[in-house]
Amino acid sequence: MPTVIVQRDPALIRSDIARARLDVAQSVDRLREEVRVRMDWRVWFAKQTLPMLGAAFVVGLFVAHPWRSYARISDE
């Protein structure tokens, strides 16, 4: 099948490239904002306060009382 080459005005090509760059930049900005909002712990905490408090409590238990101390007590 023969290839058809279409001549386009260079100014039109440049404007299409500029428009595409702008679209990509806007998409990246929207994605960056969405990731920032979704990864923000304050948003997670506001939406699910009880599970976050529970997780903080459990992490606090692990930090305050390492499992090694329980293993030594049970071995004696």
Protein backbone atom coordinates (compact mmCIF):
# COMPACT_ATOMS: atom_id res chain seq x y z
CA MET A 1 0.00 0.00 0.00
CA PRO A 2 1.56 3.35 -0.97
CA THR A 3 2.22 5.93 1.72
CA VAL A 4 0.52 9.29 1.28
CA ILE A 5 2.48 12.29 2.48
CA VAL A 6 0.39 15.30 3.42
CA GLN A 7 2.10 18.67 3.48
CA ARG A 8 1.09 20.82 6.45
CA ASP A 9 1.87 24.41 7.22
CA PRO A 10 4.83 24.61 9.68
CA ALA A 11 3.00 27.26 11.70
CA LEU A 12 0.05 24.88 12.13
CA ILE A 13 2.39 22.11 13.24
CA ARG A 14 4.04 24.43 15.77
CA SER A 15 0.67 25.50 17.17
CA ASP A 16 -0.40 21.85 17.47
CA ILE A 17 2.82 21.04 19.35
CA ALA A 18 2.34 24.05 21.65
CA ARG A 19 -1.24 23.00 22.35
CA ALA A 20 -0.14 19.42 23.06
CA ARG A 21 2.57 20.69 25.46
CA LEU A 22 0.01 22.79 27.29
CA ASP A 23 -2.37 19.81 27.56
CA VAL A 24 0.43 17.61 28.93
CA ALA A 25 1.49 20.27 31.43
CA GLN A 26 -2.09 20.68 32.66
CA SER A 27 -2.51 16.91 32.96
CA VAL A 28 0.70 16.63 34.97
CA ASP A 29 -0.40 19.46 37.26
CA ARG A 30 -3.79 17.78 37.86
CA LEU A 31 -2.09 14.45 38.53
CA ARG A 32 0.41 16.03 40.91
CA GLU A 33 -2.41 17.69 42.87
CA GLU A 34 -4.43 14.46 43.00
CA VAL A 35 -1.43 12.51 44.30
CA ARG A 36 -0.70 15.22 46.88
CA VAL A 37 -4.28 15.12 48.18
CA ARG A 38 -4.49 11.32 48.22
CA MET A 39 -1.18 10.90 50.03
CA ASP A 40 -1.82 13.60 52.64
CA TRP A 41 -2.22 11.92 56.05
CA ARG A 42 -4.44 14.76 57.26
CA VAL A 43 -7.02 14.00 54.58
CA TRP A 44 -6.91 10.29 55.49
CA PHE A 45 -7.30 11.15 59.17
CA ALA A 46 -10.26 13.47 58.50
CA LYS A 47 -12.05 10.80 56.46
CA GLN A 48 -11.32 7.83 58.76
CA THR A 49 -10.56 9.11 62.22
CA LEU A 50 -11.25 5.93 64.21
CA PRO A 51 -9.14 3.53 62.12
CA MET A 52 -6.28 6.04 62.10
CA LEU A 53 -6.44 6.43 65.88
CA GLY A 54 -6.49 2.64 66.24
CA ALA A 55 -3.47 2.29 63.98
CA ALA A 56 -1.62 4.97 65.94
CA PHE A 57 -2.44 3.14 69.18
CA VAL A 58 -1.15 -0.19 67.86
CA VAL A 59 2.04 1.40 66.54
CA GLY A 60 2.50 3.06 69.94
CA LEU A 61 2.20 -0.31 71.65
CA PHE A 62 4.84 -1.82 69.39
CA VAL A 63 7.20 1.09 69.97
CA ALA A 64 6.69 1.22 73.73
CA HIS A 65 6.83 -2.53 74.36
CA PRO A 66 9.01 -4.48 71.94
CA TRP A 67 8.03 -8.11 71.47
CA ARG A 68 11.45 -9.26 72.70
CA SER A 69 10.60 -8.33 76.27
CA TYR A 70 7.45 -10.48 76.10
CA ALA A 71 9.44 -13.40 74.69
CA ARG A 72 11.96 -13.23 77.58
CA ILE A 73 9.19 -13.18 80.17
CA SER A 74 7.45 -16.18 78.66
CA ASP A 75 10.72 -18.16 78.40
CA GLU A 76 11.44 -17.94 82.15
